[in-house]
Amino acid sequence: MPIEPTRTPAPRQAGLSLTELLLTIALLGIVTGFTVPSFRTLHLDAERSRQVNGFVQSIHLARSEAMKRNAIVSLCPSRDAATCAAADTGWEAGWVLFENLDRDSPAVRDDGEPLVQVYSPWSGGRVRGNRTTLSFRSFGQAGVTATYTFCDARGSAAARAVIVSQTGRPRVATRTAAGDPLVCN
């Protein structure tokens, strides 16, 4: 009996069929449609939190530097990272922290007054406050209550406020000191 050669099956082609490819692309589009807005919100939350935390940190630093130096230490908005900007300038332009040697009020950084720290601008939002400057005395008091509202592209719904008590202690809130909703102008 003659021996028949064994046939090996043809190798299976690797890859995707057109149907599988279209289904994969559709599924990828659906998943991307759900995740991209979440990532945008996450990014905006992180950026706003970074700005709010930087402002709170600068208030704590001003209080401690005032006590350490036994002097008045002030914060003011600054466009050039060296001098105080006009009173109508938003704090999103950045701000400077300096020793206010001549004790002027509202605080203005003059030549010879040492800079303690400079904070960079926030291009992603606005910061509005009811005080144009903040000054801290050596015994830690700011002497006035102040509220600074941080707003981004999402408006009032995502706004945060830094409320500074008369003793100079800051707190972060989602409502005003009176309990009203925050407003972004």
C-alpha atoms as a PDB file:
ATOM      1  CA  MET A   1       0.000   0.000   0.000  1.00  0.00           C
ATOM      2  CA  PRO A   2       1.365   3.285  -0.994  1.00  0.00           C
ATOM      3  CA  ILE A   3       1.936   5.835   1.714  1.00  0.00           C
ATOM      4  CA  GLU A   4       0.052   9.050   1.166  1.00  0.00           C
ATOM      5  CA  PRO A   5       1.804  12.225   2.116  1.00  0.00           C
ATOM      6  CA  THR A   6       0.157  13.948   5.064  1.00  0.00           C
ATOM      7  CA  ARG A   7      -1.251  17.285   4.374  1.00  0.00           C
ATOM      8  CA  THR A   8      -0.527  20.053   6.786  1.00  0.00           C
ATOM      9  CA  PRO A   9      -3.301  22.562   7.130  1.00  0.00           C
ATOM     10  CA  ALA A  10      -2.653  26.024   5.725  1.00  0.00           C
ATOM     11  CA  PRO A  11      -1.385  28.441   8.386  1.00  0.00           C
ATOM     12  CA  ARG A  12      -4.102  30.657   9.812  1.00  0.00           C
ATOM     13  CA  GLN A  13      -3.752  34.336   8.952  1.00  0.00           C
ATOM     14  CA  ALA A  14      -3.073  36.625  11.944  1.00  0.00           C
ATOM     15  CA  GLY A  15      -4.959  39.923  12.177  1.00  0.00           C
ATOM     16  CA  LEU A  16      -8.417  41.371  12.424  1.00  0.00           C
ATOM     17  CA  SER A  17     -11.327  41.111  10.096  1.00  0.00           C
ATOM     18  CA  LEU A  18     -12.972  44.299   8.908  1.00  0.00           C
ATOM     19  CA  THR A  19     -15.892  43.736  11.291  1.00  0.00           C
ATOM     20  CA  GLU A  20     -13.575  43.288  14.278  1.00  0.00           C
ATOM     21  CA  LEU A  21     -11.626  46.402  13.348  1.00  0.00           C
ATOM     22  CA  LEU A  22     -14.761  48.564  13.017  1.00  0.00           C
ATOM     23  CA  LEU A  23     -16.113  47.245  16.311  1.00  0.00           C
ATOM     24  CA  THR A  24     -12.808  48.050  18.058  1.00  0.00           C
ATOM     25  CA  ILE A  25     -12.743  51.591  16.651  1.00  0.00           C
ATOM     26  CA  ALA A  26     -16.360  52.202  17.702  1.00  0.00           C
ATOM     27  CA  LEU A  27     -15.675  50.918  21.221  1.00  0.00           C
ATOM     28  CA  LEU A  28     -12.556  53.093  21.481  1.00  0.00           C
ATOM     29  CA  GLY A  29     -14.594  56.139  20.405  1.00  0.00           C
ATOM     30  CA  ILE A  30     -17.246  55.483  23.055  1.00  0.00           C
ATOM     31  CA  VAL A  31     -14.695  55.005  25.848  1.00  0.00           C
ATOM     32  CA  THR A  32     -12.801  58.142  24.791  1.00  0.00           C
ATOM     33  CA  GLY A  33     -16.048  60.129  24.727  1.00  0.00           C
ATOM     34  CA  PHE A  34     -16.645  59.277  28.389  1.00  0.00           C
ATOM     35  CA  THR A  35     -13.094  59.720  29.683  1.00  0.00           C
ATOM     36  CA  VAL A  36     -11.954  62.953  28.016  1.00  0.00           C
ATOM     37  CA  PRO A  37     -14.406  65.213  29.923  1.00  0.00           C
ATOM     38  CA  SER A  38     -13.363  63.526  33.182  1.00  0.00           C
ATOM     39  CA  PHE A  39      -9.713  64.217  32.488  1.00  0.00           C
ATOM     40  CA  ARG A  40     -10.510  67.865  31.699  1.00  0.00           C
ATOM     41  CA  THR A  41     -12.340  68.222  35.017  1.00  0.00           C
ATOM     42  CA  LEU A  42      -9.491  66.492  36.810  1.00  0.00           C
ATOM     43  CA  HIS A  43      -6.970  68.850  35.192  1.00  0.00           C
ATOM     44  CA  LEU A  44      -9.005  71.969  36.048  1.00  0.00           C
ATOM     45  CA  ASP A  45      -9.487  70.790  39.648  1.00  0.00           C
ATOM     46  CA  ALA A  46      -5.756  70.163  40.033  1.00  0.00           C
ATOM     47  CA  GLU A  47      -4.816  73.546  38.575  1.00  0.00           C
ATOM     48  CA  ARG A  48      -7.320  75.427  40.746  1.00  0.00           C
ATOM     49  CA  SER A  49      -6.157  73.522  43.831  1.00  0.00           C
ATOM     50  CA  ARG A  50      -2.542  74.376  43.038  1.00  0.00           C
ATOM     51  CA  GLN A  51      -3.385  78.080  42.900  1.00  0.00           C
ATOM     52  CA  VAL A  52      -5.541  78.032  46.041  1.00  0.00           C
ATOM     53  CA  ASN A  53      -2.894  76.088  47.968  1.00  0.00           C
ATOM     54  CA  GLY A  54      -0.179  78.486  46.787  1.00  0.00           C
ATOM     55  CA  PHE A  55      -2.199  81.433  48.056  1.00  0.00           C
ATOM     56  CA  VAL A  56      -2.881  79.774  51.419  1.00  0.00           C
ATOM     57  CA  GLN A  57       0.820  78.918  51.699  1.00  0.00           C
ATOM     58  CA  SER A  58       1.754  82.535  50.998  1.00  0.00           C
ATOM     59  CA  ILE A  59      -0.560  83.713  53.795  1.00  0.00           C
ATOM     60  CA  HIS A  60       1.008  81.264  56.231  1.00  0.00           C
ATOM     61  CA  LEU A  61       4.469  82.366  55.115  1.00  0.00           C
ATOM     62  CA  ALA A  62       3.571  86.050  55.529  1.00  0.00           C
ATOM     63  CA  ARG A  63       2.293  85.452  59.075  1.00  0.00           C
ATOM     64  CA  SER A  64       5.383  83.504  60.100  1.00  0.00           C
ATOM     65  CA  GLU A  65       7.800  85.945  58.452  1.00  0.00           C
ATOM     66  CA  ALA A  66       6.105  88.880  60.194  1.00  0.00           C
ATOM     67  CA  MET A  67       6.628  87.174  63.557  1.00  0.00           C
ATOM     68  CA  LYS A  68      10.165  86.086  62.729  1.00  0.00           C
ATOM     69  CA  ARG A  69      11.230  89.526  61.438  1.00  0.00           C
ATOM     70  CA  ASN A  70       9.187  91.466  64.019  1.00  0.00           C
ATOM     71  CA  ALA A  71       7.926  93.569  61.129  1.00  0.00           C
ATOM     72  CA  ILE A  72       4.970  94.025  58.812  1.00  0.00           C
ATOM     73  CA  VAL A  73       4.961  91.589  55.896  1.00  0.00           C
ATOM     74  CA  SER A  74       2.565  92.278  53.026  1.00  0.00           C
ATOM     75  CA  LEU A  75       1.142  90.558  49.958  1.00  0.00           C
ATOM     76  CA  CYS A  76      -0.022  92.385  46.868  1.00  0.00           C
ATOM     77  CA  PRO A  77      -0.818  91.476  43.259  1.00  0.00           C
ATOM     78  CA  SER A  78       2.108  92.030  40.906  1.00  0.00           C
ATOM     79  CA  ARG A  79       2.467  91.990  37.138  1.00  0.00           C
ATOM     80  CA  ASP A  80       6.271  92.261  37.103  1.00  0.00           C
ATOM     81  CA  ALA A  81       7.230  90.089  40.117  1.00  0.00           C
ATOM     82  CA  ALA A  82       8.818  93.109  41.785  1.00  0.00           C
ATOM     83  CA  THR A  83       6.261  95.836  42.554  1.00  0.00           C
ATOM     84  CA  CYS A  84       2.607  96.021  43.542  1.00  0.00           C
ATOM     85  CA  ALA A  85       0.220  96.416  40.632  1.00  0.00           C
ATOM     86  CA  ALA A  86      -2.696  98.836  40.403  1.00  0.00           C
ATOM     87  CA  ALA A  87      -5.606  98.272  42.780  1.00  0.00           C
ATOM     88  CA  ASP A  88      -7.853  96.919  39.992  1.00  0.00           C
ATOM     89  CA  THR A  89      -5.360  94.152  39.097  1.00  0.00           C
ATOM     90  CA  GLY A  90      -6.555  90.624  39.759  1.00  0.00           C
ATOM     91  CA  TRP A  91      -4.408  88.338  41.873  1.00  0.00           C
ATOM     92  CA  GLU A  92      -4.183  85.907  38.953  1.00  0.00           C
ATOM     93  CA  ALA A  93      -1.423  88.184  37.621  1.00  0.00           C
ATOM     94  CA  GLY A  94       0.770  86.727  40.363  1.00  0.00           C
ATOM     95  CA  TRP A  95       1.702  88.275  43.691  1.00  0.00           C
ATOM     96  CA  VAL A  96       4.668  89.281  45.767  1.00  0.00           C
ATOM     97  CA  LEU A  97       5.341  88.854  49.454  1.00  0.00           C
ATOM     98  CA  PHE A  98       7.627  91.498  50.949  1.00  0.00           C
ATOM     99  CA  GLU A  99       8.690  93.169  54.176  1.00  0.00           C
ATOM    100  CA  ASN A 100       6.781  96.447  54.360  1.00  0.00           C
ATOM    101  CA  LEU A 101       9.431  98.638  56.007  1.00  0.00           C
ATOM    102  CA  ASP A 102       7.539 101.937  55.694  1.00  0.00           C
ATOM    103  CA  ARG A 103       4.277 100.337  56.915  1.00  0.00           C
ATOM    104  CA  ASP A 104       2.189 101.976  54.184  1.00  0.00           C
ATOM    105  CA  SER A 105      -1.445 101.021  53.791  1.00  0.00           C
ATOM    106  CA  PRO A 106      -2.487  99.885  51.298  1.00  0.00           C
ATOM    107  CA  ALA A 107       0.894  98.204  51.008  1.00  0.00           C
ATOM    108  CA  VAL A 108       3.172  99.250  48.170  1.00  0.00           C
ATOM    109  CA  ARG A 109       6.581  97.676  47.641  1.00  0.00           C
ATOM    110  CA  ASP A 110       9.195 100.419  47.493  1.00  0.00           C
ATOM    111  CA  ASP A 111      12.862 100.205  46.544  1.00  0.00           C
ATOM    112  CA  GLY A 112      14.821  98.634  49.354  1.00  0.00           C
ATOM    113  CA  GLU A 113      11.951  96.621  50.788  1.00  0.00           C
ATOM    114  CA  PRO A 114      13.078  92.979  50.744  1.00  0.00           C
ATOM    115  CA  LEU A 115      11.127  90.481  48.687  1.00  0.00           C
ATOM    116  CA  VAL A 116      10.288  87.338  50.624  1.00  0.00           C
ATOM    117  CA  GLN A 117       8.722  85.371  47.764  1.00  0.00           C
ATOM    118  CA  VAL A 118       7.259  85.804  44.276  1.00  0.00           C
ATOM    119  CA  TYR A 119       4.280  83.837  42.972  1.00  0.00           C
ATOM    120  CA  SER A 120       3.709  83.252  39.273  1.00  0.00           C
ATOM    121  CA  PRO A 121       0.583  84.164  37.289  1.00  0.00           C
ATOM    122  CA  TRP A 122      -2.371  81.847  36.740  1.00  0.00           C
ATOM    123  CA  SER A 123      -3.405  81.939  33.104  1.00  0.00           C
ATOM    124  CA  GLY A 124      -6.267  79.477  33.623  1.00  0.00           C
ATOM    125  CA  GLY A 125      -8.527  81.594  35.794  1.00  0.00           C
ATOM    126  CA  ARG A 126      -9.295  84.696  37.816  1.00  0.00           C
ATOM    127  CA  VAL A 127      -8.760  85.615  41.450  1.00  0.00           C
ATOM    128  CA  ARG A 128     -10.806  88.451  42.912  1.00  0.00           C
ATOM    129  CA  GLY A 129     -10.653  89.702  46.455  1.00  0.00           C
ATOM    130  CA  ASN A 130     -12.301  92.303  48.632  1.00  0.00           C
ATOM    131  CA  ARG A 131      -8.858  93.597  49.704  1.00  0.00           C
ATOM    132  CA  THR A 132      -6.178  94.953  47.375  1.00  0.00           C
ATOM    133  CA  THR A 133      -3.361  93.987  49.758  1.00  0.00           C
ATOM    134  CA  LEU A 134      -2.881  91.910  52.896  1.00  0.00           C
ATOM    135  CA  SER A 135      -0.487  92.901  55.677  1.00  0.00           C
ATOM    136  CA  PHE A 136       0.528  90.871  58.713  1.00  0.00           C
ATOM    137  CA  ARG A 137       1.977  92.316  61.893  1.00  0.00           C
ATOM    138  CA  SER A 138       4.545  90.700  64.160  1.00  0.00           C
ATOM    139  CA  PHE A 139       1.814  89.480  66.507  1.00  0.00           C
ATOM    140  CA  GLY A 140       0.195  87.562  63.624  1.00  0.00           C
ATOM    141  CA  GLN A 141      -2.962  89.540  62.936  1.00  0.00           C
ATOM    142  CA  ALA A 142      -4.068  90.714  59.538  1.00  0.00           C
ATOM    143  CA  GLY A 143      -6.554  93.063  61.201  1.00  0.00           C
ATOM    144  CA  VAL A 144      -9.217  92.680  58.509  1.00  0.00           C
ATOM    145  CA  THR A 145     -11.384  89.888  57.188  1.00  0.00           C
ATOM    146  CA  ALA A 146     -10.661  89.164  53.534  1.00  0.00           C
ATOM    147  CA  THR A 147     -12.132  86.837  50.919  1.00  0.00           C
ATOM    148  CA  TYR A 148     -10.403  85.843  47.677  1.00  0.00           C
ATOM    149  CA  THR A 149     -12.424  83.897  45.099  1.00  0.00           C
ATOM    150  CA  PHE A 150     -10.659  81.591  42.625  1.00  0.00           C
ATOM    151  CA  CYS A 151     -12.632  80.991  39.404  1.00  0.00           C
ATOM    152  CA  ASP A 152     -11.750  78.988  36.307  1.00  0.00           C
ATOM    153  CA  ALA A 153     -13.542  78.323  33.007  1.00  0.00           C
ATOM    154  CA  ARG A 154     -16.304  76.379  34.802  1.00  0.00           C
ATOM    155  CA  GLY A 155     -17.559  79.486  36.613  1.00  0.00           C
ATOM    156  CA  SER A 156     -19.225  79.776  40.001  1.00  0.00           C
ATOM    157  CA  ALA A 157     -20.081  76.079  40.337  1.00  0.00           C
ATOM    158  CA  ALA A 158     -16.389  75.161  40.662  1.00  0.00           C
ATOM    159  CA  ALA A 159     -15.178  78.296  42.471  1.00  0.00           C
ATOM    160  CA  ARG A 160     -13.201  78.189  45.713  1.00  0.00           C
ATOM    161  CA  ALA A 161     -12.630  80.958  48.217  1.00  0.00           C
ATOM    162  CA  VAL A 162      -9.776  81.636  50.593  1.00  0.00           C
ATOM    163  CA  ILE A 163     -11.238  83.415  53.605  1.00  0.00           C
ATOM    164  CA  VAL A 164      -8.744  85.145  55.904  1.00  0.00           C
ATOM    165  CA  SER A 165      -9.938  85.781  59.456  1.00  0.00           C
ATOM    166  CA  GLN A 166      -9.031  88.876  61.485  1.00  0.00           C
ATOM    167  CA  THR A 167      -6.371  86.829  63.232  1.00  0.00           C
ATOM    168  CA  GLY A 168      -4.795  86.164  59.834  1.00  0.00           C
ATOM    169  CA  ARG A 169      -5.718  82.505  59.526  1.00  0.00           C
ATOM    170  CA  PRO A 170      -6.841  81.344  56.087  1.00  0.00           C
ATOM    171  CA  ARG A 171      -9.396  78.672  55.284  1.00  0.00           C
ATOM    172  CA  VAL A 172     -10.634  77.312  51.974  1.00  0.00           C
ATOM    173  CA  ALA A 173     -14.390  77.290  51.382  1.00  0.00           C
ATOM    174  CA  THR A 174     -16.995  76.627  48.707  1.00  0.00           C
ATOM    175  CA  ARG A 175     -19.234  79.430  50.030  1.00  0.00           C
ATOM    176  CA  THR A 176     -18.684  82.995  51.252  1.00  0.00           C
ATOM    177  CA  ALA A 177     -18.083  83.812  54.915  1.00  0.00           C
ATOM    178  CA  ALA A 178     -21.791  84.691  55.158  1.00  0.00           C
ATOM    179  CA  GLY A 179     -22.756  81.301  53.701  1.00  0.00           C
ATOM    180  CA  ASP A 180     -23.798  82.590  50.273  1.00  0.00           C
ATOM    181  CA  PRO A 181     -22.771  80.855  47.028  1.00  0.00           C
ATOM    182  CA  LEU A 182     -19.537  82.101  45.448  1.00  0.00           C
ATOM    183  CA  VAL A 183     -19.925  84.332  42.404  1.00  0.00           C
ATOM    184  CA  CYS A 184     -17.492  84.557  39.510  1.00  0.00           C
ATOM    185  CA  ASN A 185     -17.637  87.840  37.590  1.00  0.00           C
END
